Amino acid sequence: MRRYQNLSAVLAGSAITSAIVITQPLAAQALTGEEVNNIAREVTVLIKSSRGGHGSGVIVAKDSQTYYVLTAHHVVDNQDNYKIITHDKKAHRLDYSKVRPLPGVDLAVVEFSSKKKYKPAKLAKSDTVSEGKPVFVSGWPRITTVGQSAGGKLVRQFTDGRVSGFLPKALDGYKMIYTNTTLGGMSGGPVLDAGGRVVGIHGIGDTEDSKRLQREGLSPEAATSIAGMIKPGFNYAIPINTFLSLAPQSGIYLGLKVENSPAGELGAPYVASAKPDKRDTIDNINDVLSTVNRTVNTINRVRKIKLPF
């Protein structure tokens, strides 16, 4: 038995003329944790603000040389000169006038243009994962105090865990609960199932209750500061189903690879290496950001060449 799903594609008046037909087996291909990580590496992006902060996102569609990234809206909610950094450590301009927030939830679609080829992620309906199923979060966490002491490099993290439940009522769209370890900066990054498909967008990590700390004797200021640094261990994502249902209401119609089949069990669990993979490490963020200017300058030099006739 095979299932089919057609999704036409248009974004804010820019049409993708061919419909995408996805043929799906009854169950997604069984992958190892390392194979899921390799998929996550290619589709996860870093979204850098000129003000110093950053978040994450995931490439979900393309139209010719335009790529569409799904992220948490709070990552780009302040107008700024953002850059999107892809897995090859190339920086791309984010046109803020084309940021598309989704109504009532913490999601947004942003875009960038490039002649280079990048692979969009496969999506899976969120109801294909249930409590106890393995999930992975991919994103670029902020540099912690320990990280600064270790050289101050940005390192993409890929963490494993399990779905622990679903909120009975969504909070700004957040509903899926999981046990993966996360840090600030990973907001907007994808939550992937055992088949390497995006089932949610990460954006909230639970924190300690500041009022409880105040009851134990801490001042309100100290309690608030400390509570934000203590994570009980649960994190939250907006299910992909929410994006799929709300996108058309915002005039967003993308050529998406969406599957309805459940993910199989992992072929082998994910085991993090002792040292960060060079492919996941940014030694100097300024060097990466400067690739935007080098690309623009190269294009300008080509335009200035005079033909000999």
Protein backbone atom coordinates (compact mmCIF):
# COMPACT_ATOMS: atom_id res chain seq x y z
CA MET A 1 0.00 0.00 0.00
CA ARG A 2 1.32 3.46 -0.86
CA ARG A 3 0.13 6.91 0.05
CA TYR A 4 0.36 10.10 -1.93
CA GLN A 5 0.25 13.74 -1.00
CA ASN A 6 0.23 16.72 -3.37
CA LEU A 7 1.31 20.16 -2.26
CA SER A 8 1.38 23.08 -4.70
CA ALA A 9 3.77 25.88 -3.98
CA VAL A 10 3.52 29.64 -3.84
CA LEU A 11 5.06 32.14 -1.45
CA ALA A 12 3.72 35.70 -1.35
CA GLY A 13 2.90 35.69 -5.05
CA SER A 14 6.01 33.81 -6.22
CA ALA A 15 4.78 30.55 -7.71
CA ILE A 16 6.38 27.15 -7.97
CA THR A 17 4.55 25.78 -10.95
CA SER A 18 5.02 22.03 -10.49
CA ALA A 19 3.21 20.13 -7.76
CA ILE A 20 5.30 17.78 -5.66
CA VAL A 21 4.10 14.21 -5.34
CA ILE A 22 5.51 12.16 -2.49
CA THR A 23 5.30 8.38 -2.64
CA GLN A 24 5.55 6.90 0.82
CA PRO A 25 5.97 3.35 2.10
CA LEU A 26 4.01 2.19 5.13
CA ALA A 27 6.99 2.94 7.39
CA ALA A 28 9.88 5.36 7.01
CA GLN A 29 13.34 3.96 6.33
CA ALA A 30 15.15 2.82 9.47
CA LEU A 31 18.24 4.96 10.05
CA THR A 32 21.03 5.01 12.60
CA GLY A 33 21.42 7.98 14.91
CA GLU A 34 24.53 9.01 12.99
CA GLU A 35 22.62 8.98 9.71
CA VAL A 36 19.93 11.21 11.21
CA ASN A 37 22.69 13.57 12.38
CA ASN A 38 24.12 13.74 8.85
CA ILE A 39 20.68 14.71 7.54
CA ALA A 40 20.25 17.30 10.30
CA ARG A 41 23.63 18.85 9.54
CA GLU A 42 22.68 19.66 5.94
CA VAL A 43 19.28 21.21 6.67
CA THR A 44 20.01 23.12 9.92
CA VAL A 45 20.99 26.79 9.62
CA LEU A 46 22.27 29.42 12.02
CA ILE A 47 20.42 32.77 11.95
CA LYS A 48 22.76 35.53 13.13
CA SER A 49 21.67 38.97 14.29
CA SER A 50 23.94 41.99 13.82
CA ARG A 51 23.27 42.75 17.50
CA GLY A 52 25.19 39.69 18.64
CA GLY A 53 22.49 37.10 19.31
CA HIS A 54 21.54 34.16 17.14
CA GLY A 55 19.05 31.36 16.67
CA SER A 56 18.59 28.34 14.44
CA GLY A 57 16.30 27.24 11.63
CA VAL A 58 15.71 24.53 9.05
CA ILE A 59 15.52 24.66 5.25
CA VAL A 60 12.09 23.31 4.26
CA ALA A 61 11.67 24.30 0.60
CA LYS A 62 13.28 25.87 -2.44
CA ASP A 63 12.17 27.60 -5.62
CA SER A 64 14.99 27.88 -8.16
CA GLN A 65 17.68 29.84 -6.24
CA THR A 66 15.42 30.91 -3.38
CA TYR A 67 15.44 28.86 -0.19
CA TYR A 68 12.80 28.96 2.55
CA VAL A 69 13.70 28.48 6.21
CA LEU A 70 11.26 27.67 9.00
CA THR A 71 12.22 29.02 12.42
CA ALA A 72 10.76 30.29 15.68
CA HIS A 73 9.38 33.80 15.20
CA HIS A 74 11.11 35.09 18.34
CA VAL A 75 14.45 34.42 16.60
CA VAL A 76 13.69 37.17 14.05
CA ASP A 77 11.02 39.25 15.77
CA ASN A 78 13.21 42.39 15.89
CA GLN A 79 13.94 44.08 12.58
CA ASP A 80 17.64 43.66 11.96
CA ASN A 81 20.32 42.83 9.42
CA TYR A 82 20.21 39.04 9.84
CA LYS A 83 22.47 36.53 8.09
CA ILE A 84 21.63 32.88 7.46
CA ILE A 85 24.62 30.53 7.72
CA THR A 86 24.30 27.19 5.94
CA HIS A 87 26.12 23.92 6.68
CA ASP A 88 28.98 24.83 4.30
CA LYS A 89 29.72 27.87 6.50
CA LYS A 90 28.54 30.36 3.89
CA ALA A 91 26.56 33.41 4.98
CA HIS A 92 23.48 34.62 3.10
CA ARG A 93 21.47 37.80 3.48
CA LEU A 94 18.01 37.56 5.01
CA ASP A 95 15.59 40.04 3.42
CA TYR A 96 13.63 41.21 6.46
CA SER A 97 10.82 42.61 4.31
CA LYS A 98 10.00 39.01 3.34
CA VAL A 99 9.78 37.54 6.84
CA ARG A 100 6.41 35.75 7.11
CA PRO A 101 5.16 35.18 10.68
CA LEU A 102 2.38 32.65 11.17
CA PRO A 103 -0.75 33.78 13.03
CA GLY A 104 -1.01 33.09 16.75
CA VAL A 105 2.10 30.92 17.05
CA ASP A 106 5.85 31.36 17.47
CA LEU A 107 6.73 30.42 13.88
CA ALA A 108 8.02 32.33 10.87
CA VAL A 109 9.24 31.58 7.35
CA VAL A 110 12.31 33.48 6.16
CA GLU A 111 14.21 33.21 2.91
CA PHE A 112 17.59 33.63 1.29
CA SER A 113 18.95 33.34 -2.25
CA SER A 114 21.96 31.38 -3.43
CA LYS A 115 23.33 29.79 -6.58
CA LYS A 116 24.65 26.95 -4.43
CA LYS A 117 22.47 23.87 -4.02
CA TYR A 118 21.08 23.04 -0.60
CA LYS A 119 18.82 20.15 0.30
CA PRO A 120 15.45 20.93 1.94
CA ALA A 121 14.38 18.75 4.85
CA LYS A 122 11.68 16.13 4.67
CA LEU A 123 8.75 16.79 6.98
CA ALA A 124 6.53 14.28 8.74
CA LYS A 125 3.09 14.79 10.17
CA SER A 126 3.48 15.26 13.93
CA ASP A 127 0.99 12.50 14.70
CA THR A 128 3.53 10.00 13.36
CA VAL A 129 5.44 10.36 16.66
CA SER A 130 4.05 9.42 20.06
CA GLU A 131 5.17 9.24 23.67
CA GLY A 132 8.34 7.22 24.13
CA LYS A 133 9.51 7.61 20.53
CA PRO A 134 13.07 8.84 19.91
CA VAL A 135 13.56 12.39 18.65
CA PHE A 136 16.60 14.57 17.98
CA VAL A 137 17.14 18.32 18.22
CA SER A 138 19.63 20.09 15.95
CA GLY A 139 20.75 23.68 16.47
CA TRP A 140 23.51 26.17 17.24
CA PRO A 141 23.62 26.92 21.00
CA ARG A 142 25.07 30.10 22.43
CA ILE A 143 28.64 29.97 23.67
CA THR A 144 28.49 29.23 27.40
CA THR A 145 31.04 30.27 30.03
CA VAL A 146 32.69 26.87 29.67
CA GLY A 147 32.68 27.23 25.89
CA GLN A 148 34.38 30.61 26.09
CA SER A 149 37.10 29.11 28.25
CA ALA A 150 37.51 26.31 25.69
CA GLY A 151 38.17 28.68 22.80
CA GLY A 152 34.87 30.40 22.08
CA LYS A 153 33.89 28.33 19.05
CA LEU A 154 30.31 27.89 17.90
CA VAL A 155 29.44 24.21 17.65
CA ARG A 156 26.21 22.79 16.24
CA GLN A 157 24.66 20.38 18.71
CA PHE A 158 22.66 17.26 17.93
CA THR A 159 21.01 15.81 21.01
CA ASP A 160 18.90 12.72 21.45
CA GLY A 161 15.92 12.09 23.70
CA ARG A 162 12.37 10.83 23.77
CA VAL A 163 8.94 12.35 23.38
CA SER A 164 7.60 12.54 26.94
CA GLY A 165 4.14 13.89 26.20
CA PHE A 166 2.00 16.65 24.71
CA LEU A 167 0.50 19.69 26.41
CA PRO A 168 -3.30 19.45 26.61
CA LYS A 169 -3.47 23.07 25.40
CA ALA A 170 -0.85 24.64 23.14
CA LEU A 171 1.11 27.67 24.38
CA ASP A 172 1.95 29.96 21.44
CA GLY A 173 1.81 26.79 19.36
CA TYR A 174 4.15 24.79 21.61
CA LYS A 175 2.75 21.38 22.44
CA MET A 176 5.30 18.57 21.97
CA ILE A 177 7.39 17.75 25.08
CA TYR A 178 10.72 15.90 24.95
CA THR A 179 13.74 15.14 27.11
CA ASN A 180 16.54 16.34 24.82
CA THR A 181 19.17 18.70 26.20
CA THR A 182 19.04 22.18 24.63
CA LEU A 183 20.50 25.65 25.15
CA GLY A 184 19.62 29.16 24.05
CA GLY A 185 20.54 29.66 20.40
CA MET A 186 18.97 26.34 19.41
CA SER A 187 15.52 27.96 19.23
CA GLY A 188 14.06 27.56 15.76
CA GLY A 189 16.04 24.41 15.09
CA PRO A 190 14.38 21.21 13.88
CA VAL A 191 13.13 18.32 15.97
CA LEU A 192 13.65 15.18 13.87
CA ASP A 193 12.25 11.67 14.20
CA ALA A 194 14.12 8.39 13.76
CA GLY A 195 13.55 8.64 10.00
CA GLY A 196 15.43 11.94 9.75
CA ARG A 197 12.22 13.91 9.13
CA VAL A 198 11.30 17.18 10.81
CA VAL A 199 8.31 16.73 13.15
CA GLY A 200 8.57 19.99 15.10
CA ILE A 201 10.37 23.29 15.65
CA HIS A 202 12.17 23.66 18.97
CA GLY A 203 11.78 26.92 20.86
CA ILE A 204 11.22 26.62 24.62
CA GLY A 205 13.25 25.04 27.41
CA ASP A 206 11.56 24.69 30.78
CA THR A 207 13.09 26.74 33.60
CA GLU A 208 12.91 26.71 37.40
CA ASP A 209 10.06 28.54 39.14
CA SER A 210 11.48 31.83 40.48
CA LYS A 211 8.69 32.08 43.10
CA ARG A 212 9.79 28.77 44.61
CA LEU A 213 13.35 30.08 44.89
CA GLN A 214 12.04 33.21 46.59
CA ARG A 215 10.23 31.04 49.13
CA GLU A 216 13.59 29.44 49.90
CA GLY A 217 15.08 32.82 50.79
CA LEU A 218 16.45 34.32 47.58
CA SER A 219 15.70 37.92 46.66
CA PRO A 220 13.31 38.45 43.72
CA GLU A 221 16.20 39.65 41.54
CA ALA A 222 18.44 36.70 42.37
CA ALA A 223 15.57 34.23 42.05
CA THR A 224 14.66 35.51 38.59
CA SER A 225 18.28 35.42 37.43
CA ILE A 226 18.99 31.93 38.77
CA ALA A 227 15.65 30.47 37.61
CA GLY A 228 16.50 31.30 34.01
CA MET A 229 19.71 29.27 34.26
CA ILE A 230 18.18 26.13 35.79
CA LYS A 231 16.58 23.73 33.31
CA PRO A 232 14.54 20.87 34.78
CA GLY A 233 15.13 18.89 31.60
CA PHE A 234 11.97 19.21 29.51
CA ASN A 235 11.75 21.11 26.23
CA TYR A 236 8.94 22.07 23.89
CA ALA A 237 8.36 22.22 20.13
CA ILE A 238 5.63 23.44 17.83
CA PRO A 239 4.41 20.39 15.87
CA ILE A 240 4.84 20.45 12.09
CA ASN A 241 1.09 19.85 11.76
CA THR A 242 0.58 23.36 13.16
CA PHE A 243 2.80 24.85 10.45
CA LEU A 244 1.09 22.86 7.70
CA SER A 245 -2.37 23.98 8.79
CA LEU A 246 -1.53 27.67 9.38
CA ALA A 247 0.79 28.39 6.44
CA PRO A 248 -2.02 28.76 3.86
CA GLN A 249 -3.79 31.23 6.17
CA SER A 250 -0.72 33.46 5.88
CA GLY A 251 -0.54 33.14 2.11
CA ILE A 252 2.36 30.70 2.36
CA TYR A 253 2.22 27.79 -0.09
CA LEU A 254 5.52 25.93 -0.39
CA GLY A 255 6.66 22.85 -2.28
CA LEU A 256 7.15 20.65 0.76
CA LYS A 257 8.26 17.06 1.13
CA VAL A 258 5.71 15.74 3.62
CA GLU A 259 5.29 12.14 4.73
CA ASN A 260 2.47 10.52 6.68
CA SER A 261 4.18 7.24 7.49
CA PRO A 262 5.44 6.45 11.01
CA ALA A 263 9.17 6.34 11.64
CA GLY A 264 10.77 2.98 12.24
CA GLU A 265 12.99 2.18 15.18
CA LEU A 266 16.58 3.41 15.06
CA GLY A 267 19.05 1.04 13.44
CA ALA A 268 21.59 2.11 16.07
CA PRO A 269 21.50 4.82 18.76
CA TYR A 270 23.34 8.10 18.37
CA VAL A 271 26.67 8.29 20.16
CA ALA A 272 28.30 11.72 20.33
CA SER A 273 31.99 11.83 19.46
CA ALA A 274 34.56 12.89 22.03
CA LYS A 275 35.53 15.93 19.95
CA PRO A 276 33.29 18.23 17.88
CA ASP A 277 33.10 17.39 14.21
CA LYS A 278 34.90 20.04 12.12
CA ARG A 279 31.81 20.20 9.90
CA ASP A 280 29.83 21.38 12.94
CA THR A 281 32.34 23.96 14.19
CA ILE A 282 32.65 27.65 13.39
CA ASP A 283 36.07 28.81 14.55
CA ASN A 284 35.52 32.50 13.76
CA ILE A 285 32.01 33.78 13.14
CA ASN A 286 33.30 37.03 11.61
CA ASP A 287 35.19 35.10 8.93
CA VAL A 288 31.98 33.29 8.04
CA LEU A 289 29.91 36.48 8.00
CA SER A 290 32.43 38.09 5.66
CA THR A 291 31.61 35.52 2.97
CA VAL A 292 28.47 37.59 2.22
CA ASN A 293 30.56 40.60 1.25
CA ARG A 294 33.01 38.51 -0.77
CA THR A 295 30.12 37.08 -2.78
CA VAL A 296 28.63 40.51 -3.44
CA ASN A 297 32.01 41.95 -4.42
CA THR A 298 32.63 39.07 -6.83
CA ILE A 299 29.29 39.70 -8.52
CA ASN A 300 30.03 43.43 -8.79
CA ARG A 301 33.46 42.79 -10.33
CA VAL A 302 31.90 40.53 -12.96
CA ARG A 303 29.38 43.23 -13.83
CA LYS A 304 32.15 45.80 -14.33
CA ILE A 305 34.03 43.69 -16.91
CA LYS A 306 33.76 45.33 -20.32
CA LEU A 307 33.29 43.09 -23.31
CA PRO A 308 35.82 43.53 -26.17
CA PHE A 309 33.18 44.52 -28.72
